[in-house]
N, C-alpha and C. Protein backbone atom coordinates (compact mmCIF):
# COMPACT_ATOMS: atom_id res chain seq x y z
N UNK A 1 50.91 71.41 138.66
CA UNK A 1 49.97 70.76 137.77
C UNK A 1 51.14 70.23 137.19
N UNK A 2 50.39 68.74 136.89
CA UNK A 2 51.56 68.18 135.74
C UNK A 2 50.46 67.56 134.99
N UNK A 3 50.34 67.51 133.51
CA UNK A 3 49.41 66.76 133.12
C UNK A 3 50.00 66.42 131.89
N UNK A 4 50.25 65.00 131.84
CA UNK A 4 50.85 64.15 130.77
C UNK A 4 49.88 63.20 130.16
N UNK A 5 49.98 63.22 129.18
CA UNK A 5 49.06 62.60 128.36
C UNK A 5 49.42 60.93 128.12
N UNK A 6 49.14 59.94 127.57
CA UNK A 6 50.13 58.81 127.14
C UNK A 6 49.63 58.39 125.81
N UNK A 7 50.63 57.40 125.14
CA UNK A 7 50.04 57.34 123.67
C UNK A 7 48.65 56.83 123.16
N UNK A 8 47.84 56.44 123.95
CA UNK A 8 46.94 56.08 123.58
C UNK A 8 45.47 57.53 123.68
N UNK A 9 45.96 58.19 125.12
CA UNK A 9 45.20 59.29 124.64
C UNK A 9 45.30 60.21 124.30
N UNK A 10 46.81 60.44 123.75
CA UNK A 10 47.07 61.07 122.18
C UNK A 10 46.71 60.60 121.05
N UNK A 11 46.37 59.57 120.72
CA UNK A 11 45.62 58.85 119.38
C UNK A 11 44.47 59.37 119.35
N UNK A 12 43.54 59.56 120.85
CA UNK A 12 42.10 59.92 120.80
C UNK A 12 42.19 61.06 120.20
N UNK A 13 43.02 62.23 121.25
CA UNK A 13 43.08 63.63 120.71
C UNK A 13 43.39 63.42 118.94
N UNK A 14 43.80 63.09 118.99
CA UNK A 14 44.25 63.05 117.43
C UNK A 14 42.90 62.96 116.48
N UNK A 15 42.39 61.58 116.75
CA UNK A 15 41.17 60.94 115.91
C UNK A 15 39.84 61.66 116.23
N UNK A 16 39.76 62.71 117.41
CA UNK A 16 39.03 63.73 117.75
C UNK A 16 39.33 64.85 116.85
N UNK A 17 40.30 65.34 116.65
CA UNK A 17 40.58 66.59 115.88
C UNK A 17 40.53 65.77 114.45
N UNK A 18 41.14 65.70 113.97
CA UNK A 18 40.49 65.00 112.77
C UNK A 18 39.30 64.40 112.33
N UNK A 19 38.77 64.22 113.14
CA UNK A 19 37.13 63.76 112.79
C UNK A 19 36.60 65.14 112.63
N UNK A 20 36.96 66.14 113.18
CA UNK A 20 36.08 67.42 113.31
C UNK A 20 36.84 67.84 112.06
N UNK A 21 38.18 68.14 111.37
CA UNK A 21 38.89 68.93 110.68
C UNK A 21 37.85 68.12 109.79
N UNK A 22 37.61 66.61 109.29
CA UNK A 22 37.34 66.29 108.01
C UNK A 22 35.61 66.18 108.11
N UNK A 23 35.27 66.75 109.01
CA UNK A 23 33.74 67.04 108.68
C UNK A 23 33.33 68.45 108.49
N UNK A 24 34.29 69.35 109.11
CA UNK A 24 33.96 70.58 108.86
C UNK A 24 34.59 71.66 107.68
N UNK A 25 35.88 70.80 107.19
CA UNK A 25 36.78 71.58 106.11
C UNK A 25 36.22 70.94 104.80
N UNK A 26 36.51 71.50 103.59
CA UNK A 26 36.18 71.39 102.60
C UNK A 26 37.27 70.15 101.83
N UNK A 27 37.31 68.93 102.13
CA UNK A 27 38.51 68.62 101.62
C UNK A 27 37.64 67.14 100.38
N UNK A 28 38.57 66.83 99.25
CA UNK A 28 37.86 65.99 99.03
C UNK A 28 37.63 64.55 99.05
N UNK A 29 37.48 63.31 98.33
CA UNK A 29 37.35 62.50 98.91
C UNK A 29 38.58 61.57 98.83
N UNK A 30 39.68 62.30 97.74
CA UNK A 30 41.37 61.47 98.08
C UNK A 30 41.93 61.62 99.12
N UNK A 31 41.77 63.55 99.50
CA UNK A 31 42.26 64.01 100.44
C UNK A 31 41.57 63.15 101.90
N UNK A 32 40.55 63.35 102.01
CA UNK A 32 40.33 62.50 103.60
C UNK A 32 40.66 60.78 103.36
N UNK A 33 40.74 60.35 102.33
CA UNK A 33 41.29 59.00 102.30
C UNK A 33 42.55 58.75 102.75
N UNK A 34 43.12 59.87 102.11
CA UNK A 34 44.46 60.18 102.54
C UNK A 34 45.11 60.12 104.14
N UNK A 35 44.42 61.27 104.58
CA UNK A 35 43.94 61.27 106.24
C UNK A 35 43.73 60.55 106.85
N UNK A 36 42.93 59.69 106.82
CA UNK A 36 42.56 58.33 107.25
C UNK A 36 43.35 57.07 107.09
N UNK A 37 44.14 56.78 105.77
CA UNK A 37 45.21 56.33 105.88
C UNK A 37 46.41 56.33 106.81
N UNK A 38 46.53 57.59 106.82
CA UNK A 38 47.82 58.10 107.14
C UNK A 38 47.68 58.01 108.75
N UNK A 39 46.42 58.08 109.08
CA UNK A 39 46.39 58.11 110.45
C UNK A 39 46.09 56.73 111.27
N UNK A 40 45.19 55.55 110.11
CA UNK A 40 45.52 54.30 110.67
C UNK A 40 46.87 53.70 110.19
N UNK A 41 47.76 53.67 109.29
CA UNK A 41 49.18 53.41 109.01
C UNK A 41 50.50 53.79 109.95
N UNK A 42 50.38 55.32 110.14
CA UNK A 42 51.04 55.88 110.40
C UNK A 42 51.01 56.20 112.22
N UNK A 43 49.64 56.42 112.69
CA UNK A 43 50.01 57.13 113.55
C UNK A 43 49.27 55.58 114.80
N UNK A 44 49.56 54.80 114.46
CA UNK A 44 49.25 53.44 115.46
C UNK A 44 49.57 53.87 117.04
N UNK A 45 49.39 53.20 117.83
CA UNK A 45 50.13 53.83 119.15
C UNK A 45 51.28 53.53 119.42
N UNK A 46 51.42 52.39 118.64
CA UNK A 46 53.35 52.08 119.09
C UNK A 46 54.54 52.43 118.14
N UNK A 47 53.94 52.98 117.12
CA UNK A 47 54.41 53.85 115.95
C UNK A 47 55.28 54.72 116.25
N UNK A 48 56.20 55.28 115.80
CA UNK A 48 57.62 56.04 115.65
C UNK A 48 56.65 57.22 115.92
N UNK A 49 55.93 57.59 115.15
CA UNK A 49 54.92 58.92 114.92
C UNK A 49 54.20 59.66 116.46
N UNK A 50 53.45 58.32 116.87
CA UNK A 50 52.86 58.42 118.07
C UNK A 50 53.26 59.19 118.94
N UNK A 51 54.56 58.18 119.16
CA UNK A 51 55.42 58.29 120.01
C UNK A 51 56.22 60.13 120.34
N UNK A 52 56.17 60.17 118.95
CA UNK A 52 56.96 61.78 118.41
C UNK A 52 55.69 62.49 119.24
N UNK A 53 54.53 62.35 118.64
CA UNK A 53 53.42 63.23 118.87
C UNK A 53 52.80 63.66 119.89
N UNK A 54 53.05 62.14 120.90
CA UNK A 54 52.92 62.39 122.31
C UNK A 54 53.77 63.23 123.03
N UNK A 55 55.21 62.92 122.75
CA UNK A 55 55.98 63.48 123.54
C UNK A 55 56.11 65.52 123.07
N UNK A 56 55.69 65.96 121.80
CA UNK A 56 55.82 66.94 121.48
C UNK A 56 54.02 67.88 122.19
N UNK A 57 53.16 66.31 121.97
CA UNK A 57 51.63 67.16 123.33
C UNK A 57 52.24 67.64 124.48
N UNK A 58 52.50 66.68 124.68
CA UNK A 58 53.15 66.59 126.68
C UNK A 58 54.19 67.40 126.60
N UNK A 59 55.14 68.17 126.24
CA UNK A 59 55.84 68.94 126.46
C UNK A 59 55.39 70.42 125.84
N UNK A 60 54.43 70.73 125.19
CA UNK A 60 53.18 71.83 124.82
C UNK A 60 52.67 71.94 126.01
N UNK A 61 51.66 71.12 126.51
CA UNK A 61 50.97 71.24 127.54
C UNK A 61 51.81 71.59 129.04
N UNK A 62 53.11 71.08 129.26
CA UNK A 62 53.94 71.44 129.76
C UNK A 62 54.33 72.98 130.12
N UNK A 63 55.07 73.46 128.81
CA UNK A 63 55.39 74.47 128.90
C UNK A 63 53.81 75.67 128.83
N UNK A 64 52.76 75.24 128.37
CA UNK A 64 51.78 75.82 128.81
C UNK A 64 51.24 76.26 130.06
N UNK A 65 51.65 75.18 130.47
CA UNK A 65 50.64 75.15 132.40
C UNK A 65 52.24 75.94 133.06
N UNK A 66 53.24 75.91 132.58
CA UNK A 66 54.14 76.66 133.30
C UNK A 66 53.84 77.90 133.34
N UNK A 67 53.96 78.71 132.05
CA UNK A 67 53.52 80.05 131.42
C UNK A 67 51.99 80.75 132.16
N UNK A 68 51.02 79.53 132.52
CA UNK A 68 50.01 80.53 132.90
C UNK A 68 50.34 80.41 134.43
N UNK A 69 50.73 79.45 135.12
CA UNK A 69 51.73 79.87 136.41
C UNK A 69 51.88 80.54 136.72
N UNK A 70 53.38 80.95 135.95
CA UNK A 70 54.07 82.26 135.78
C UNK A 70 53.43 83.40 135.68
N UNK A 71 52.55 83.35 134.97
CA UNK A 71 52.08 84.71 134.80
C UNK A 71 50.89 85.00 135.59
N UNK A 72 50.07 84.29 136.31
CA UNK A 72 49.30 84.39 137.68
C UNK A 72 49.88 84.26 138.43
N UNK A 73 51.04 84.31 139.00
CA UNK A 73 52.24 85.05 139.70
C UNK A 73 52.36 86.64 139.58
N UNK A 74 52.25 87.17 138.52
CA UNK A 74 52.74 87.79 138.17
C UNK A 74 51.92 89.34 138.41
N UNK A 75 50.23 88.97 138.30
CA UNK A 75 49.30 89.60 138.18
C UNK A 75 48.86 90.13 139.29
N UNK A 76 48.32 91.42 139.34
CA UNK A 76 48.00 92.02 140.93
C UNK A 76 46.47 91.20 141.35
N UNK A 77 46.30 91.72 142.24
CA UNK A 77 45.03 91.03 143.05
C UNK A 77 44.31 91.51 142.65
N UNK A 78 44.56 92.53 142.98
CA UNK A 78 42.96 93.91 142.31
C UNK A 78 42.59 93.44 141.15
N UNK A 79 43.01 93.17 140.06
CA UNK A 79 42.25 92.47 138.81
C UNK A 79 41.17 91.75 138.92
């Protein structure tokens, strides 16, 4: 199985995580503003940081799927 996110999908995932983080964690208003500024300025779809994040997310997903597939083959059927 192969799963790859494009830059826009990774950006949406980042937005969801940041929204949840900002909603649940006790950040100061300054910290919230800094995170929002970072997201809007540095993590645009064509930005180098967004491309790097997309690459890292895709490699982590691939590694996780490979590990799960390998460990499923090792487990006995009677479990």
